[in-house]
């Protein structure tokens, strides 16, 4: 009984992660592109060097997010693969 409850909870948590994955990936990318675009319009085109911090902030968010997203997507892929294998074994 306990093992069944754990499997149900595991399936629900995996489903929840899959639903929130696009949000967790896209929101930081959009925010980083906003910072980079704002730096380009206000800092690069107009020549105001006070906006260089926005470029750095946008790049840090973008690269940090991409680095974590690659690992996150790999782990979700592995979890999905394990789930498929366990379902085949149960049949």
PDB file of N, CA and C in Angstrom:
ATOM      1  N   UNK A   1       0.821  -1.193   0.000  1.00  0.00           N
ATOM      2  CA  UNK A   1       0.000   0.000   0.000  1.00  0.00           C
ATOM      3  C   UNK A   1       0.870   1.265   0.000  1.00  0.00           C
ATOM      4  N   UNK A   2       1.893   1.259   0.866  1.00  0.00           N
ATOM      5  CA  UNK A   2       2.769   2.426   0.933  1.00  0.00           C
ATOM      6  C   UNK A   2       3.513   2.634  -0.378  1.00  0.00           C
ATOM      7  N   UNK A   3       3.928   1.532  -0.984  1.00  0.00           N
ATOM      8  CA  UNK A   3       4.670   1.636  -2.236  1.00  0.00           C
ATOM      9  C   UNK A   3       3.793   2.222  -3.335  1.00  0.00           C
ATOM     10  N   UNK A   4       2.513   1.865  -3.337  1.00  0.00           N
ATOM     11  CA  UNK A   4       1.584   2.405  -4.323  1.00  0.00           C
ATOM     12  C   UNK A   4       1.390   3.904  -4.111  1.00  0.00           C
ATOM     13  N   UNK A   5       1.276   4.321  -2.861  1.00  0.00           N
ATOM     14  CA  UNK A   5       1.119   5.741  -2.561  1.00  0.00           C
ATOM     15  C   UNK A   5       2.357   6.521  -2.989  1.00  0.00           C
ATOM     16  N   UNK A   6       3.527   5.941  -2.773  1.00  0.00           N
ATOM     17  CA  UNK A   6       4.755   6.610  -3.191  1.00  0.00           C
ATOM     18  C   UNK A   6       4.811   6.735  -4.706  1.00  0.00           C
ATOM     19  N   UNK A   7       4.382   5.720  -5.422  1.00  0.00           N
ATOM     20  CA  UNK A   7       4.387   5.774  -6.881  1.00  0.00           C
ATOM     21  C   UNK A   7       3.409   6.823  -7.395  1.00  0.00           C
ATOM     22  N   UNK A   8       2.250   6.922  -6.739  1.00  0.00           N
ATOM     23  CA  UNK A   8       1.264   7.931  -7.133  1.00  0.00           C
ATOM     24  C   UNK A   8       1.817   9.331  -6.878  1.00  0.00           C
ATOM     25  N   UNK A   9       2.414   9.533  -5.718  1.00  0.00           N
ATOM     26  CA  UNK A   9       3.002  10.835  -5.411  1.00  0.00           C
ATOM     27  C   UNK A   9       4.135  11.180  -6.374  1.00  0.00           C
ATOM     28  N   UNK A  10       4.947  10.187  -6.699  1.00  0.00           N
ATOM     29  CA  UNK A  10       6.044  10.376  -7.646  1.00  0.00           C
ATOM     30  C   UNK A  10       5.505  10.794  -9.009  1.00  0.00           C
ATOM     31  N   UNK A  11       4.440  10.155  -9.453  1.00  0.00           N
ATOM     32  CA  UNK A  11       3.838  10.492 -10.745  1.00  0.00           C
ATOM     33  C   UNK A  11       3.254  11.897 -10.720  1.00  0.00           C
ATOM     34  N   UNK A  12       2.598  12.274  -9.614  1.00  0.00           N
ATOM     35  CA  UNK A  12       2.027  13.615  -9.506  1.00  0.00           C
ATOM     36  C   UNK A  12       3.110  14.689  -9.488  1.00  0.00           C
ATOM     37  N   UNK A  13       4.194  14.442  -8.767  1.00  0.00           N
ATOM     38  CA  UNK A  13       5.287  15.410  -8.717  1.00  0.00           C
ATOM     39  C   UNK A  13       5.959  15.557 -10.074  1.00  0.00           C
ATOM     40  N   UNK A  14       6.122  14.452 -10.774  1.00  0.00           N
ATOM     41  CA  UNK A  14       6.713  14.512 -12.107  1.00  0.00           C
ATOM     42  C   UNK A  14       5.815  15.291 -13.053  1.00  0.00           C
ATOM     43  N   UNK A  15       4.520  15.066 -12.953  1.00  0.00           N
ATOM     44  CA  UNK A  15       3.577  15.796 -13.803  1.00  0.00           C
ATOM     45  C   UNK A  15       3.617  17.289 -13.490  1.00  0.00           C
ATOM     46  N   UNK A  16       3.712  17.631 -12.209  1.00  0.00           N
ATOM     47  CA  UNK A  16       3.790  19.029 -11.808  1.00  0.00           C
ATOM     48  C   UNK A  16       5.067  19.678 -12.353  1.00  0.00           C
ATOM     49  N   UNK A  17       6.185  18.956 -12.285  1.00  0.00           N
ATOM     50  CA  UNK A  17       7.438  19.484 -12.840  1.00  0.00           C
ATOM     51  C   UNK A  17       7.322  19.698 -14.337  1.00  0.00           C
ATOM     52  N   UNK A  18       6.665  18.791 -15.019  1.00  0.00           N
ATOM     53  CA  UNK A  18       6.518  18.928 -16.468  1.00  0.00           C
ATOM     54  C   UNK A  18       5.634  20.111 -16.832  1.00  0.00           C
ATOM     55  N   UNK A  19       4.633  20.412 -16.005  1.00  0.00           N
ATOM     56  CA  UNK A  19       3.773  21.559 -16.280  1.00  0.00           C
ATOM     57  C   UNK A  19       4.499  22.881 -16.026  1.00  0.00           C
ATOM     58  N   UNK A  20       5.349  22.915 -15.003  1.00  0.00           N
ATOM     59  CA  UNK A  20       6.045  24.156 -14.677  1.00  0.00           C
ATOM     60  C   UNK A  20       7.364  24.326 -15.428  1.00  0.00           C
ATOM     61  N   UNK A  21       7.831  23.313 -16.106  1.00  0.00           N
ATOM     62  CA  UNK A  21       9.115  23.395 -16.814  1.00  0.00           C
ATOM     63  C   UNK A  21       9.154  24.535 -17.830  1.00  0.00           C
ATOM     64  N   UNK A  22       8.142  24.689 -18.692  1.00  0.00           N
ATOM     65  CA  UNK A  22       8.215  25.817 -19.642  1.00  0.00           C
ATOM     66  C   UNK A  22       8.268  27.175 -18.953  1.00  0.00           C
ATOM     67  N   UNK A  23       7.537  27.313 -17.853  1.00  0.00           N
ATOM     68  CA  UNK A  23       7.554  28.572 -17.113  1.00  0.00           C
ATOM     69  C   UNK A  23       8.921  28.835 -16.500  1.00  0.00           C
ATOM     70  N   UNK A  24       9.518  27.797 -15.920  1.00  0.00           N
ATOM     71  CA  UNK A  24      10.829  27.943 -15.301  1.00  0.00           C
ATOM     72  C   UNK A  24      11.934  28.214 -16.318  1.00  0.00           C
ATOM     73  N   UNK A  25      11.712  27.815 -17.536  1.00  0.00           N
ATOM     74  CA  UNK A  25      12.715  28.021 -18.576  1.00  0.00           C
ATOM     75  C   UNK A  25      12.518  29.354 -19.288  1.00  0.00           C
ATOM     76  N   UNK A  26      11.283  29.673 -19.639  1.00  0.00           N
ATOM     77  CA  UNK A  26      11.026  30.841 -20.479  1.00  0.00           C
ATOM     78  C   UNK A  26      11.074  32.185 -19.740  1.00  0.00           C
ATOM     79  N   UNK A  27      10.599  32.229 -18.509  1.00  0.00           N
ATOM     80  CA  UNK A  27      10.540  33.512 -17.800  1.00  0.00           C
ATOM     81  C   UNK A  27      11.930  34.128 -17.609  1.00  0.00           C
ATOM     82  N   UNK A  28      12.933  33.403 -17.105  1.00  0.00           N
ATOM     83  CA  UNK A  28      14.257  34.027 -16.981  1.00  0.00           C
ATOM     84  C   UNK A  28      14.872  34.416 -18.329  1.00  0.00           C
ATOM     85  N   UNK A  29      14.602  33.644 -19.373  1.00  0.00           N
ATOM     86  CA  UNK A  29      15.131  33.997 -20.693  1.00  0.00           C
ATOM     87  C   UNK A  29      14.503  35.295 -21.186  1.00  0.00           C
ATOM     88  N   UNK A  30      13.194  35.444 -21.006  1.00  0.00           N
ATOM     89  CA  UNK A  30      12.515  36.678 -21.419  1.00  0.00           C
ATOM     90  C   UNK A  30      13.032  37.868 -20.619  1.00  0.00           C
ATOM     91  N   UNK A  31      13.210  37.691 -19.323  1.00  0.00           N
ATOM     92  CA  UNK A  31      13.715  38.784 -18.470  1.00  0.00           C
ATOM     93  C   UNK A  31      15.134  39.174 -18.888  1.00  0.00           C
ATOM     94  N   UNK A  32      15.973  38.179 -19.174  1.00  0.00           N
ATOM     95  CA  UNK A  32      17.348  38.502 -19.579  1.00  0.00           C
ATOM     96  C   UNK A  32      17.370  39.216 -20.928  1.00  0.00           C
ATOM     97  N   UNK A  33      16.510  38.796 -21.861  1.00  0.00           N
ATOM     98  CA  UNK A  33      16.453  39.505 -23.143  1.00  0.00           C
ATOM     99  C   UNK A  33      15.913  40.918 -22.978  1.00  0.00           C
ATOM    100  N   UNK A  34      15.025  41.125 -22.010  1.00  0.00           N
ATOM    101  CA  UNK A  34      14.556  42.478 -21.723  1.00  0.00           C
ATOM    102  C   UNK A  34      15.708  43.359 -21.250  1.00  0.00           C
ATOM    103  N   UNK A  35      16.532  42.833 -20.335  1.00  0.00           N
ATOM    104  CA  UNK A  35      17.687  43.608 -19.861  1.00  0.00           C
ATOM    105  C   UNK A  35      18.668  43.896 -20.997  1.00  0.00           C
ATOM    106  N   UNK A  36      18.940  42.903 -21.832  1.00  0.00           N
ATOM    107  CA  UNK A  36      19.882  43.093 -22.936  1.00  0.00           C
ATOM    108  C   UNK A  36      19.331  44.100 -23.945  1.00  0.00           C
ATOM    109  N   UNK A  37      18.036  44.007 -24.247  1.00  0.00           N
ATOM    110  CA  UNK A  37      17.416  44.942 -25.192  1.00  0.00           C
ATOM    111  C   UNK A  37      17.414  46.356 -24.620  1.00  0.00           C
ATOM    112  N   UNK A  38      17.138  46.478 -23.334  1.00  0.00           N
ATOM    113  CA  UNK A  38      17.141  47.790 -22.694  1.00  0.00           C
ATOM    114  C   UNK A  38      18.537  48.390 -22.719  1.00  0.00           C
ATOM    115  N   UNK A  39      19.560  47.579 -22.472  1.00  0.00           N
ATOM    116  CA  UNK A  39      20.936  48.070 -22.561  1.00  0.00           C
ATOM    117  C   UNK A  39      21.248  48.514 -23.987  1.00  0.00           C
ATOM    118  N   UNK A  40      20.808  47.726 -24.968  1.00  0.00           N
ATOM    119  CA  UNK A  40      21.117  48.061 -26.361  1.00  0.00           C
ATOM    120  C   UNK A  40      20.468  49.384 -26.761  1.00  0.00           C
ATOM    121  N   UNK A  41      19.205  49.570 -26.389  1.00  0.00           N
ATOM    122  CA  UNK A  41      18.493  50.796 -26.776  1.00  0.00           C
ATOM    123  C   UNK A  41      19.033  52.002 -26.026  1.00  0.00           C
ATOM    124  N   UNK A  42      19.176  51.886 -24.714  1.00  0.00           N
ATOM    125  CA  UNK A  42      19.566  53.050 -23.909  1.00  0.00           C
ATOM    126  C   UNK A  42      21.073  53.204 -23.763  1.00  0.00           C
ATOM    127  N   UNK A  43      21.782  52.098 -23.729  1.00  0.00           N
ATOM    128  CA  UNK A  43      23.216  52.180 -23.472  1.00  0.00           C
ATOM    129  C   UNK A  43      24.056  52.212 -24.728  1.00  0.00           C
ATOM    130  N   UNK A  44      23.809  51.336 -25.643  1.00  0.00           N
ATOM    131  CA  UNK A  44      24.656  51.219 -26.826  1.00  0.00           C
ATOM    132  C   UNK A  44      24.320  52.269 -27.876  1.00  0.00           C
ATOM    133  N   UNK A  45      23.054  52.400 -28.211  1.00  0.00           N
ATOM    134  CA  UNK A  45      22.661  53.342 -29.266  1.00  0.00           C
ATOM    135  C   UNK A  45      22.844  54.789 -28.817  1.00  0.00           C
ATOM    136  N   UNK A  46      22.396  55.099 -27.612  1.00  0.00           N
ATOM    137  CA  UNK A  46      22.511  56.469 -27.109  1.00  0.00           C
ATOM    138  C   UNK A  46      23.883  56.755 -26.524  1.00  0.00           C
ATOM    139  N   UNK A  47      24.677  55.732 -26.276  1.00  0.00           N
ATOM    140  CA  UNK A  47      26.035  55.921 -25.778  1.00  0.00           C
ATOM    141  C   UNK A  47      26.128  56.228 -24.298  1.00  0.00           C
ATOM    142  N   UNK A  48      25.136  55.841 -23.528  1.00  0.00           N
ATOM    143  CA  UNK A  48      25.160  56.085 -22.080  1.00  0.00           C
ATOM    144  C   UNK A  48      25.747  54.853 -21.402  1.00  0.00           C
ATOM    145  N   UNK A  49      26.882  55.030 -20.747  1.00  0.00           N
ATOM    146  CA  UNK A  49      27.572  53.889 -20.151  1.00  0.00           C
ATOM    147  C   UNK A  49      26.980  53.453 -18.806  1.00  0.00           C
ATOM    148  N   UNK A  50      26.009  54.177 -18.295  1.00  0.00           N
ATOM    149  CA  UNK A  50      25.385  53.811 -17.019  1.00  0.00           C
ATOM    150  C   UNK A  50      24.541  52.538 -17.148  1.00  0.00           C
ATOM    151  N   UNK A  51      24.207  52.146 -18.360  1.00  0.00           N
ATOM    152  CA  UNK A  51      23.369  50.970 -18.570  1.00  0.00           C
ATOM    153  C   UNK A  51      24.187  49.698 -18.818  1.00  0.00           C
ATOM    154  N   UNK A  52      25.488  49.751 -18.633  1.00  0.00           N
ATOM    155  CA  UNK A  52      26.316  48.555 -18.832  1.00  0.00           C
ATOM    156  C   UNK A  52      26.003  47.466 -17.805  1.00  0.00           C
ATOM    157  N   UNK A  53      25.543  47.864 -16.643  1.00  0.00           N
ATOM    158  CA  UNK A  53      25.154  46.893 -15.620  1.00  0.00           C
ATOM    159  C   UNK A  53      23.983  46.035 -16.066  1.00  0.00           C
ATOM    160  N   UNK A  54      23.087  46.605 -16.871  1.00  0.00           N
ATOM    161  CA  UNK A  54      21.948  45.836 -17.364  1.00  0.00           C
ATOM    162  C   UNK A  54      22.404  44.760 -18.339  1.00  0.00           C
ATOM    163  N   UNK A  55      23.429  45.061 -19.114  1.00  0.00           N
ATOM    164  CA  UNK A  55      23.982  44.045 -20.013  1.00  0.00           C
ATOM    165  C   UNK A  55      24.573  42.895 -19.212  1.00  0.00           C
ATOM    166  N   UNK A  56      25.346  43.230 -18.191  1.00  0.00           N
ATOM    167  CA  UNK A  56      25.968  42.187 -17.368  1.00  0.00           C
ATOM    168  C   UNK A  56      24.902  41.368 -16.654  1.00  0.00           C
ATOM    169  N   UNK A  57      23.901  42.028 -16.091  1.00  0.00           N
ATOM    170  CA  UNK A  57      22.820  41.331 -15.406  1.00  0.00           C
ATOM    171  C   UNK A  57      22.059  40.416 -16.368  1.00  0.00           C
ATOM    172  N   UNK A  58      21.749  40.907 -17.555  1.00  0.00           N
ATOM    173  CA  UNK A  58      21.052  40.099 -18.549  1.00  0.00           C
ATOM    174  C   UNK A  58      21.867  38.891 -18.972  1.00  0.00           C
ATOM    175  N   UNK A  59      23.172  39.072 -19.165  1.00  0.00           N
ATOM    176  CA  UNK A  59      24.024  37.944 -19.567  1.00  0.00           C
ATOM    177  C   UNK A  59      24.185  36.917 -18.445  1.00  0.00           C
ATOM    178  N   UNK A  60      24.298  37.392 -17.216  1.00  0.00           N
ATOM    179  CA  UNK A  60      24.412  36.462 -16.081  1.00  0.00           C
ATOM    180  C   UNK A  60      23.139  35.631 -15.953  1.00  0.00           C
ATOM    181  N   UNK A  61      21.989  36.273 -16.042  1.00  0.00           N
ATOM    182  CA  UNK A  61      20.720  35.544 -15.961  1.00  0.00           C
ATOM    183  C   UNK A  61      20.599  34.560 -17.115  1.00  0.00           C
ATOM    184  N   UNK A  62      20.944  35.000 -18.315  1.00  0.00           N
ATOM    185  CA  UNK A  62      20.814  34.143 -19.493  1.00  0.00           C
ATOM    186  C   UNK A  62      21.725  32.928 -19.420  1.00  0.00           C
ATOM    187  N   UNK A  63      23.003  33.132 -19.167  1.00  0.00           N
ATOM    188  CA  UNK A  63      23.939  32.007 -19.138  1.00  0.00           C
ATOM    189  C   UNK A  63      23.697  31.090 -17.939  1.00  0.00           C
ATOM    190  N   UNK A  64      23.385  31.678 -16.791  1.00  0.00           N
ATOM    191  CA  UNK A  64      23.079  30.854 -15.624  1.00  0.00           C
ATOM    192  C   UNK A  64      21.835  30.013 -15.842  1.00  0.00           C
ATOM    193  N   UNK A  65      20.833  30.611 -16.444  1.00  0.00           N
ATOM    194  CA  UNK A  65      19.600  29.881 -16.710  1.00  0.00           C
ATOM    195  C   UNK A  65      19.823  28.778 -17.741  1.00  0.00           C
ATOM    196  N   UNK A  66      20.555  29.075 -18.794  1.00  0.00           N
ATOM    197  CA  UNK A  66      20.805  28.051 -19.813  1.00  0.00           C
ATOM    198  C   UNK A  66      21.609  26.891 -19.240  1.00  0.00           C
ATOM    199  N   UNK A  67      22.572  27.203 -18.396  1.00  0.00           N
ATOM    200  CA  UNK A  67      23.373  26.147 -17.783  1.00  0.00           C
ATOM    201  C   UNK A  67      22.507  25.247 -16.910  1.00  0.00           C
ATOM    202  N   UNK A  68      21.654  25.850 -16.088  1.00  0.00           N
ATOM    203  CA  UNK A  68      20.776  25.055 -15.215  1.00  0.00           C
ATOM    204  C   UNK A  68      19.681  24.353 -16.010  1.00  0.00           C
ATOM    205  N   UNK A  69      19.188  24.989 -17.067  1.00  0.00           N
ATOM    206  CA  UNK A  69      18.115  24.382 -17.862  1.00  0.00           C
ATOM    207  C   UNK A  69      18.578  23.121 -18.573  1.00  0.00           C
ATOM    208  N   UNK A  70      19.809  23.111 -19.026  1.00  0.00           N
ATOM    209  CA  UNK A  70      20.324  21.913 -19.697  1.00  0.00           C
ATOM    210  C   UNK A  70      20.326  20.739 -18.724  1.00  0.00           C
ATOM    211  N   UNK A  71      20.796  20.966 -17.508  1.00  0.00           N
ATOM    212  CA  UNK A  71      20.802  19.909 -16.498  1.00  0.00           C
ATOM    213  C   UNK A  71      19.378  19.527 -16.096  1.00  0.00           C
ATOM    214  N   UNK A  72      18.499  20.515 -15.982  1.00  0.00           N
ATOM    215  CA  UNK A  72      17.115  20.269 -15.596  1.00  0.00           C
ATOM    216  C   UNK A  72      16.403  19.425 -16.652  1.00  0.00           C
ATOM    217  N   UNK A  73      16.598  19.759 -17.922  1.00  0.00           N
ATOM    218  CA  UNK A  73      15.949  19.007 -18.994  1.00  0.00           C
ATOM    219  C   UNK A  73      16.501  17.579 -19.076  1.00  0.00           C
ATOM    220  N   UNK A  74      17.791  17.416 -18.834  1.00  0.00           N
ATOM    221  CA  UNK A  74      18.367  16.068 -18.828  1.00  0.00           C
ATOM    222  C   UNK A  74      17.765  15.236 -17.704  1.00  0.00           C
ATOM    223  N   UNK A  75      17.603  15.836 -16.529  1.00  0.00           N
ATOM    224  CA  UNK A  75      17.040  15.081 -15.409  1.00  0.00           C
ATOM    225  C   UNK A  75      15.580  14.723 -15.663  1.00  0.00           C
ATOM    226  N   UNK A  76      14.818  15.642 -16.266  1.00  0.00           N
ATOM    227  CA  UNK A  76      13.435  15.318 -16.599  1.00  0.00           C
ATOM    228  C   UNK A  76      13.356  14.208 -17.637  1.00  0.00           C
ATOM    229  N   UNK A  77      14.255  14.237 -18.594  1.00  0.00           N
ATOM    230  CA  UNK A  77      14.284  13.190 -19.611  1.00  0.00           C
ATOM    231  C   UNK A  77      14.611  11.840 -18.977  1.00  0.00           C
ATOM    232  N   UNK A  78      15.570  11.818 -18.061  1.00  0.00           N
ATOM    233  CA  UNK A  78      15.921  10.573 -17.375  1.00  0.00           C
ATOM    234  C   UNK A  78      14.766  10.065 -16.510  1.00  0.00           C
ATOM    235  N   UNK A  79      14.078  10.976 -15.817  1.00  0.00           N
ATOM    236  CA  UNK A  79      12.942  10.573 -14.995  1.00  0.00           C
ATOM    237  C   UNK A  79      11.819   9.997 -15.852  1.00  0.00           C
ATOM    238  N   UNK A  80      11.578  10.618 -16.990  1.00  0.00           N
ATOM    239  CA  UNK A  80      10.545  10.128 -17.889  1.00  0.00           C
ATOM    240  C   UNK A  80      10.913   8.739 -18.412  1.00  0.00           C
ATOM    241  N   UNK A  81      12.178   8.572 -18.750  1.00  0.00           N
ATOM    242  CA  UNK A  81      12.644   7.278 -19.250  1.00  0.00           C
ATOM    243  C   UNK A  81      12.499   6.205 -18.174  1.00  0.00           C
ATOM    244  N   UNK A  82      12.860   6.532 -16.935  1.00  0.00           N
ATOM    245  CA  UNK A  82      12.714   5.581 -15.833  1.00  0.00           C
ATOM    246  C   UNK A  82      11.245   5.230 -15.604  1.00  0.00           C
ATOM    247  N   UNK A  83      10.385   6.225 -15.734  1.00  0.00           N
ATOM    248  CA  UNK A  83       8.949   5.990 -15.544  1.00  0.00           C
ATOM    249  C   UNK A  83       8.425   5.041 -16.614  1.00  0.00           C
ATOM    250  N   UNK A  84       8.839   5.225 -17.840  1.00  0.00           N
ATOM    251  CA  UNK A  84       8.406   4.355 -18.929  1.00  0.00           C
ATOM    252  C   UNK A  84       8.910   2.937 -18.708  1.00  0.00           C
ATOM    253  N   UNK A  85      10.151   2.807 -18.271  1.00  0.00           N
ATOM    254  CA  UNK A  85      10.727   1.476 -18.033  1.00  0.00           C
ATOM    255  C   UNK A  85       9.988   0.772 -16.893  1.00  0.00           C
ATOM    256  N   UNK A  86       9.693   1.502 -15.815  1.00  0.00           N
ATOM    257  CA  UNK A  86       8.987   0.870 -14.686  1.00  0.00           C
ATOM    258  C   UNK A  86       7.567   0.498 -15.062  1.00  0.00           C
ATOM    259  N   UNK A  87       6.918   1.298 -15.917  1.00  0.00           N
ATOM    260  CA  UNK A  87       5.569   0.959 -16.360  1.00  0.00           C
ATOM    261  C   UNK A  87       5.580  -0.319 -17.210  1.00  0.00           C
ATOM    262  N   UNK A  88       6.609  -0.470 -18.035  1.00  0.00           N
ATOM    263  CA  UNK A  88       6.718  -1.678 -18.850  1.00  0.00           C
ATOM    264  C   UNK A  88       6.946  -2.893 -17.980  1.00  0.00           C
ATOM    265  N   UNK A  89       7.726  -2.755 -16.915  1.00  0.00           N
ATOM    266  CA  UNK A  89       7.994  -3.866 -16.016  1.00  0.00           C
ATOM    267  C   UNK A  89       6.742  -4.268 -15.243  1.00  0.00           C
ATOM    268  N   UNK A  90       5.894  -3.298 -14.919  1.00  0.00           N
ATOM    269  CA  UNK A  90       4.691  -3.578 -14.150  1.00  0.00           C
ATOM    270  C   UNK A  90       3.671  -4.355 -14.993  1.00  0.00           C
ATOM    271  N   UNK A  91       3.695  -4.164 -16.291  1.00  0.00           N
ATOM    272  CA  UNK A  91       2.733  -4.849 -17.173  1.00  0.00           C
ATOM    273  C   UNK A  91       3.186  -6.248 -17.325  1.00  0.00           C
TER     274      UNK A  91
END
